[in-house]
Protein backbone atom coordinates (compact mmCIF):
# COMPACT_ATOMS: atom_id res chain seq x y z
CA UNK A 1 44.49 37.59 -63.91
CA UNK A 2 45.68 36.87 -67.47
CA UNK A 3 42.79 34.47 -68.07
CA UNK A 4 40.23 36.99 -66.80
CA UNK A 5 41.79 39.73 -68.93
CA UNK A 6 41.64 37.55 -72.06
CA UNK A 7 38.00 36.65 -71.33
CA UNK A 8 37.13 40.32 -70.92
CA UNK A 9 38.78 41.24 -74.24
CA UNK A 10 36.80 38.48 -75.96
CA UNK A 11 33.62 39.78 -74.29
CA UNK A 12 34.24 43.29 -75.65
CA UNK A 13 34.80 42.04 -79.18
CA UNK A 14 32.29 39.21 -79.43
CA UNK A 15 29.42 40.19 -77.15
CA UNK A 16 29.56 43.96 -76.93
CA UNK A 17 30.82 44.12 -80.53
CA UNK A 18 33.06 47.09 -79.94
CA UNK A 19 35.29 48.13 -82.82
CA UNK A 20 38.78 46.69 -83.18
CA UNK A 21 40.34 50.04 -82.31
CA UNK A 22 38.17 50.48 -79.19
CA UNK A 23 38.99 46.97 -77.95
CA UNK A 24 42.67 47.65 -78.54
CA UNK A 25 42.51 50.97 -76.67
CA UNK A 26 40.56 49.49 -73.74
CA UNK A 27 43.00 46.60 -73.48
CA UNK A 28 45.95 48.98 -73.47
CA UNK A 29 44.32 51.13 -70.77
CA UNK A 30 43.68 48.14 -68.48
CA UNK A 31 47.21 46.82 -68.98
CA UNK A 32 48.45 50.24 -67.82
CA UNK A 33 46.05 50.03 -64.87
CA UNK A 34 47.28 46.58 -63.82
CA UNK A 35 50.89 47.68 -64.30
CA UNK A 36 50.28 50.69 -62.07
CA UNK A 37 48.70 48.47 -59.40
CA UNK A 38 51.71 46.16 -59.46
CA UNK A 39 53.96 49.12 -58.69
CA UNK A 40 51.47 50.73 -56.30
CA UNK A 41 50.81 47.55 -54.29
CA UNK A 42 54.33 46.16 -54.44
CA UNK A 43 53.51 43.05 -56.46
CA UNK A 44 51.28 41.60 -59.18
CA UNK A 45 47.65 42.45 -58.29
CA UNK A 46 45.35 39.57 -57.41
CA UNK A 47 41.57 39.39 -57.65
CA UNK A 48 41.47 39.97 -53.90
CA UNK A 49 43.59 43.13 -54.32
CA UNK A 50 41.06 44.52 -56.79
CA UNK A 51 38.32 43.82 -54.27
CA UNK A 52 40.06 45.87 -51.58
CA UNK A 53 40.96 48.92 -53.69
CA UNK A 54 39.97 52.32 -52.32
CA UNK A 55 38.98 55.44 -54.27
CA UNK A 56 42.35 56.98 -53.35
CA UNK A 57 44.09 54.17 -55.24
CA UNK A 58 42.07 54.96 -58.36
CA UNK A 59 42.80 58.68 -58.00
CA UNK A 60 46.50 57.88 -57.80
CA UNK A 61 46.23 55.90 -61.04
CA UNK A 62 44.43 58.74 -62.85
CA UNK A 63 46.97 61.25 -61.53
CA UNK A 64 49.78 59.09 -62.89
CA UNK A 65 48.15 58.98 -66.32
CA UNK A 66 47.82 62.77 -66.32
CA UNK A 67 51.52 63.20 -65.48
CA UNK A 68 52.25 60.96 -68.46
CA UNK A 69 50.65 63.55 -70.72
CA UNK A 70 47.21 62.04 -71.32
CA UNK A 71 44.39 64.40 -72.24
CA UNK A 72 41.22 64.54 -70.15
CA UNK A 73 39.44 62.52 -72.82
CA UNK A 74 42.10 59.78 -72.69
CA UNK A 75 42.03 59.76 -68.88
CA UNK A 76 38.25 59.37 -69.01
CA UNK A 77 38.64 56.43 -71.40
CA UNK A 78 41.21 54.84 -69.06
CA UNK A 79 38.70 55.11 -66.21
CA UNK A 80 35.89 53.71 -68.38
CA UNK A 81 38.05 50.77 -69.49
CA UNK A 82 39.08 49.96 -65.92
CA UNK A 83 35.45 50.15 -64.77
CA UNK A 84 34.41 47.83 -67.58
CA UNK A 85 37.04 45.28 -66.57
CA UNK A 86 36.08 45.51 -62.88
CA UNK A 87 32.36 45.12 -63.65
CA UNK A 88 33.15 42.09 -65.82
CA UNK A 89 35.00 40.51 -62.90
CA UNK A 90 32.22 41.46 -60.49
CA UNK A 91 29.55 39.79 -62.64
CA UNK A 92 31.68 36.64 -62.63
CA UNK A 93 31.77 36.72 -58.83
CA UNK A 94 35.32 38.07 -58.61
CA UNK A 95 35.64 41.22 -56.55
CA UNK A 96 33.87 44.56 -56.57
CA UNK A 97 33.86 47.59 -58.86
CA UNK A 98 32.85 49.96 -56.05
CA UNK A 99 36.15 51.89 -55.84
CA UNK A 100 36.12 52.63 -59.57
CA UNK A 101 32.41 53.48 -59.52
CA UNK A 102 33.02 56.04 -56.74
CA UNK A 103 35.34 58.15 -58.91
CA UNK A 104 33.84 60.99 -60.90
CA UNK A 105 34.98 61.10 -64.52
CA UNK A 106 37.04 64.17 -65.50
CA UNK A 107 35.17 66.96 -67.22
CA UNK A 108 35.82 67.36 -70.92
CA UNK A 109 35.42 70.57 -72.83
CA UNK A 110 32.83 69.94 -75.50
CA UNK A 111 34.25 70.44 -78.98
CA UNK A 112 32.36 70.64 -82.24
CA UNK A 113 32.98 68.09 -85.00
CA UNK A 114 35.35 69.35 -87.70
CA UNK A 115 33.87 68.38 -91.07
CA UNK A 116 35.62 68.83 -94.40
CA UNK A 117 34.26 71.20 -97.00
CA UNK A 118 32.09 69.54 -99.64
CA UNK A 119 34.76 70.09 -102.32
CA UNK A 120 37.52 68.58 -100.15
CA UNK A 121 35.37 65.57 -99.32
CA UNK A 122 34.64 65.00 -103.01
CA UNK A 123 38.34 65.18 -103.85
CA UNK A 124 39.02 62.56 -101.19
CA UNK A 125 36.77 60.12 -103.05
CA UNK A 126 37.94 61.06 -106.56
CA UNK A 127 40.25 58.50 -108.19
CA UNK A 128 41.79 61.28 -110.30
CA UNK A 129 43.22 62.76 -107.11
CA UNK A 130 45.31 59.58 -106.83
CA UNK A 131 46.89 60.02 -110.28
CA UNK A 132 50.61 59.28 -110.11
CA UNK A 133 50.33 57.14 -106.98
CA UNK A 134 52.69 54.16 -107.51
CA UNK A 135 50.51 51.65 -105.67
CA UNK A 136 48.58 48.99 -107.55
CA UNK A 137 45.34 50.17 -109.21
CA UNK A 138 43.20 47.75 -107.17
CA UNK A 139 44.62 49.14 -103.92
CA UNK A 140 43.85 52.70 -105.02
CA UNK A 141 40.33 51.63 -106.02
CA UNK A 142 39.87 49.89 -102.67
CA UNK A 143 40.89 52.96 -100.69
CA UNK A 144 38.64 55.16 -102.83
CA UNK A 145 35.70 52.78 -102.23
CA UNK A 146 36.18 52.75 -98.45
CA UNK A 147 36.44 56.54 -98.31
CA UNK A 148 33.36 56.83 -100.55
CA UNK A 149 31.39 54.73 -98.04
CA UNK A 150 32.56 56.86 -95.11
CA UNK A 151 31.49 60.11 -96.76
CA UNK A 152 28.65 58.91 -99.00
CA UNK A 153 26.92 56.77 -96.35
CA UNK A 154 28.21 58.26 -93.08
CA UNK A 155 29.69 54.96 -91.93
CA UNK A 156 32.14 54.50 -89.10
CA UNK A 157 35.39 52.95 -90.30
CA UNK A 158 34.64 49.70 -88.44
CA UNK A 159 31.21 49.53 -90.08
CA UNK A 160 32.65 49.89 -93.57
CA UNK A 161 35.32 47.26 -92.96
CA UNK A 162 32.82 44.80 -91.47
CA UNK A 163 30.79 44.64 -94.70
CA UNK A 164 30.81 41.30 -96.49
CA UNK A 165 30.91 40.75 -100.24
CA UNK A 166 27.25 39.73 -100.10
CA UNK A 167 26.36 43.05 -98.45
CA UNK A 168 28.21 45.18 -101.02
CA UNK A 169 26.07 47.89 -102.63
CA UNK A 170 25.29 47.43 -106.30
CA UNK A 171 22.97 48.80 -108.97
CA UNK A 172 20.36 46.29 -107.80
CA UNK A 173 21.06 46.70 -104.07
CA UNK A 174 20.80 50.36 -103.16
CA UNK A 175 20.68 50.05 -99.39
CA UNK A 176 23.20 48.83 -96.85
CA UNK A 177 22.25 46.92 -93.74
CA UNK A 178 24.81 48.26 -91.28
CA UNK A 179 25.58 46.85 -87.84
CA UNK A 180 26.80 49.66 -85.62
CA UNK A 181 27.71 50.16 -81.99
CA UNK A 182 26.13 47.73 -79.57
CA UNK A 183 24.99 45.50 -82.42
CA UNK A 184 22.33 48.02 -83.48
CA UNK A 185 21.38 47.66 -87.16
CA UNK A 186 20.16 50.32 -89.58
CA UNK A 187 19.40 50.71 -93.28
CA UNK A 188 21.46 53.28 -95.19
CA UNK A 189 20.69 54.26 -98.81
CA UNK A 190 23.63 54.28 -101.23
CA UNK A 191 24.16 56.94 -103.90
CA UNK A 192 25.39 56.20 -107.45
CA UNK A 193 28.96 57.40 -106.91
CA UNK A 194 29.43 55.06 -103.95
CA UNK A 195 28.02 52.10 -105.89
CA UNK A 196 30.40 52.86 -108.75
CA UNK A 197 33.42 53.16 -106.44
CA UNK A 198 32.67 49.79 -104.83
CA UNK A 199 32.05 48.09 -108.18
CA UNK A 200 35.32 49.49 -109.55
CA UNK A 201 37.18 48.00 -106.59
CA UNK A 202 35.47 44.61 -106.91
CA UNK A 203 36.31 44.47 -110.63
CA UNK A 204 40.01 45.14 -109.94
CA UNK A 205 40.50 43.11 -106.75
CA UNK A 206 42.89 40.20 -107.49
CA UNK A 207 41.60 38.11 -104.59
CA UNK A 208 38.52 35.90 -104.52
CA UNK A 209 35.83 37.69 -102.52
CA UNK A 210 33.81 35.02 -100.72
CA UNK A 211 30.09 35.90 -100.32
CA UNK A 212 30.27 35.90 -96.52
CA UNK A 213 33.89 37.02 -96.31
CA UNK A 214 35.09 40.61 -95.89
CA UNK A 215 34.45 42.93 -98.80
CA UNK A 216 37.67 44.87 -98.30
CA UNK A 217 40.95 42.97 -98.31
CA UNK A 218 44.53 43.89 -97.57
CA UNK A 219 47.55 43.39 -99.81
CA UNK A 220 47.97 39.76 -98.66
CA UNK A 221 44.31 38.84 -99.01
CA UNK A 222 43.32 39.15 -95.34
CA UNK A 223 40.74 41.55 -93.86
CA UNK A 224 41.70 45.18 -94.38
CA UNK A 225 43.03 46.86 -91.23
CA UNK A 226 41.64 50.23 -90.09
CA UNK A 227 45.23 51.46 -89.87
CA UNK A 228 45.64 51.06 -93.63
CA UNK A 229 42.61 53.27 -94.21
CA UNK A 230 43.94 55.83 -91.74
CA UNK A 231 47.27 55.83 -93.57
CA UNK A 232 45.52 56.31 -96.91
CA UNK A 233 43.62 59.27 -95.46
CA UNK A 234 46.85 60.72 -94.13
CA UNK A 235 48.45 60.53 -97.57
CA UNK A 236 45.41 62.10 -99.23
CA UNK A 237 45.31 64.79 -96.57
CA UNK A 238 48.94 65.64 -97.27
CA UNK A 239 48.42 65.64 -101.05
CA UNK A 240 45.41 67.97 -100.79
CA UNK A 241 46.92 70.25 -98.14
CA UNK A 242 44.17 69.50 -95.62
CA UNK A 243 44.50 69.86 -91.83
CA UNK A 244 45.17 66.94 -89.48
CA UNK A 245 41.50 66.98 -88.52
CA UNK A 246 40.73 65.41 -91.94
CA UNK A 247 40.46 61.88 -90.56
CA UNK A 248 38.25 58.94 -91.57
CA UNK A 249 35.77 59.91 -88.85
CA UNK A 250 35.73 63.50 -90.14
CA UNK A 251 34.14 62.11 -93.32
CA UNK A 252 31.24 60.83 -91.21
CA UNK A 253 30.96 64.29 -89.64
CA UNK A 254 31.02 65.78 -93.14
CA UNK A 255 28.21 63.47 -94.28
CA UNK A 256 25.96 64.67 -91.45
CA UNK A 257 26.90 68.35 -91.68
CA UNK A 258 26.44 68.54 -95.46
CA UNK A 259 23.07 66.75 -95.28
CA UNK A 260 21.89 69.20 -92.63
CA UNK A 261 23.12 72.17 -94.68
CA UNK A 262 21.06 70.93 -97.64
CA UNK A 263 17.87 70.69 -95.64
CA UNK A 264 18.06 67.20 -94.15
CA UNK A 265 16.02 66.82 -90.97
CA UNK A 266 17.68 65.81 -87.72
CA UNK A 267 15.57 62.71 -87.13
CA UNK A 268 16.49 61.25 -90.52
CA UNK A 269 20.17 62.07 -90.01
CA UNK A 270 20.01 60.42 -86.59
CA UNK A 271 18.70 57.23 -88.23
CA UNK A 272 21.33 57.31 -90.97
CA UNK A 273 24.16 57.75 -88.45
CA UNK A 274 22.80 55.14 -86.07
CA UNK A 275 22.73 57.49 -83.07
CA UNK A 276 20.64 56.11 -80.22
CA UNK A 277 19.84 59.62 -78.98
CA UNK A 278 18.76 62.67 -80.97
CA UNK A 279 20.83 64.86 -78.64
CA UNK A 280 23.99 63.29 -80.09
CA UNK A 281 22.92 64.31 -83.60
CA UNK A 282 21.96 67.83 -82.53
CA UNK A 283 25.61 68.83 -82.24
CA UNK A 284 25.63 69.16 -86.04
CA UNK A 285 23.16 72.03 -85.81
CA UNK A 286 25.84 73.88 -83.84
CA UNK A 287 28.42 73.14 -86.55
CA UNK A 288 26.08 74.51 -89.21
CA UNK A 289 25.31 77.61 -87.13
CA UNK A 290 29.02 78.23 -86.49
CA UNK A 291 29.67 78.04 -90.24
CA UNK A 292 26.90 80.55 -90.97
CA UNK A 293 28.34 82.96 -88.40
CA UNK A 294 31.81 82.67 -89.96
CA UNK A 295 30.42 83.29 -93.46
CA UNK A 296 28.45 86.29 -92.21
CA UNK A 297 31.50 87.76 -90.49
CA UNK A 298 33.58 87.37 -93.65
CA UNK A 299 30.98 88.64 -96.11
CA UNK A 300 28.84 91.27 -94.39
CA UNK A 301 30.07 94.82 -95.14
CA UNK A 302 29.50 95.99 -91.57
CA UNK A 303 31.39 92.99 -90.18
CA UNK A 304 34.61 93.81 -92.00
CA UNK A 305 37.22 96.07 -90.51
CA UNK A 306 37.79 99.33 -92.35
């Protein structure tokens, strides 16, 4: 089973081109699934065991994950990961995914994205906000450049970190060719402040940036890890007194919400975000409407309590 698991992980990363964090999460979920089956079946599961699983076995696994404190969203991901692994085995002629396919995914309460305010997002990308930070100037410039791409271009964190030096925006290259989920590519225009942030980082970076190598490097010269960006956001969030919802992905939400608020049309925003369906983008109209309602309630004389 170890060989099949390793092949599946490689398939997720190399063929489906899922992000590093998604591959890591899926792998963790399936390891939990296989560990549960070992306990549930009384021994290490074989390919034949997977073929003979019943829906009740899958329900028992999901129930176990719930008792371990997982949210409905995390339980749904665990089911999706296990289905993906089973389908991979099935396509290779090893077993059947029928038991997993028979289970209905748990319902998830739909929540609206939580964008930052425009002023908070700008402060996140401002190098002056980092004044007094003891880290090396090139590291601060790097973090500022990544965050500028997330907010200024609406990139996913994996998309920003997958950029090569050759693809870096510049004064002569004002559009990014971004490869998103499922290998789908899109063109994203780049504003002046983002170009400047990236150029500042490149000028300060002590490592040689190879044309086809990663644009963003870690302290030891290797590819920058998403966790480092998340940590930088956490520190900025703390310094600015922002809520825990101020994550790297919240900057992408902010990009879309602020464009919509300034008159951007949904179809264009869909293209910029790389959404395959317009319905995914339409959730930002609800965010904008919710904001208008809140402003009205706070400002309208008849809405205030006496």
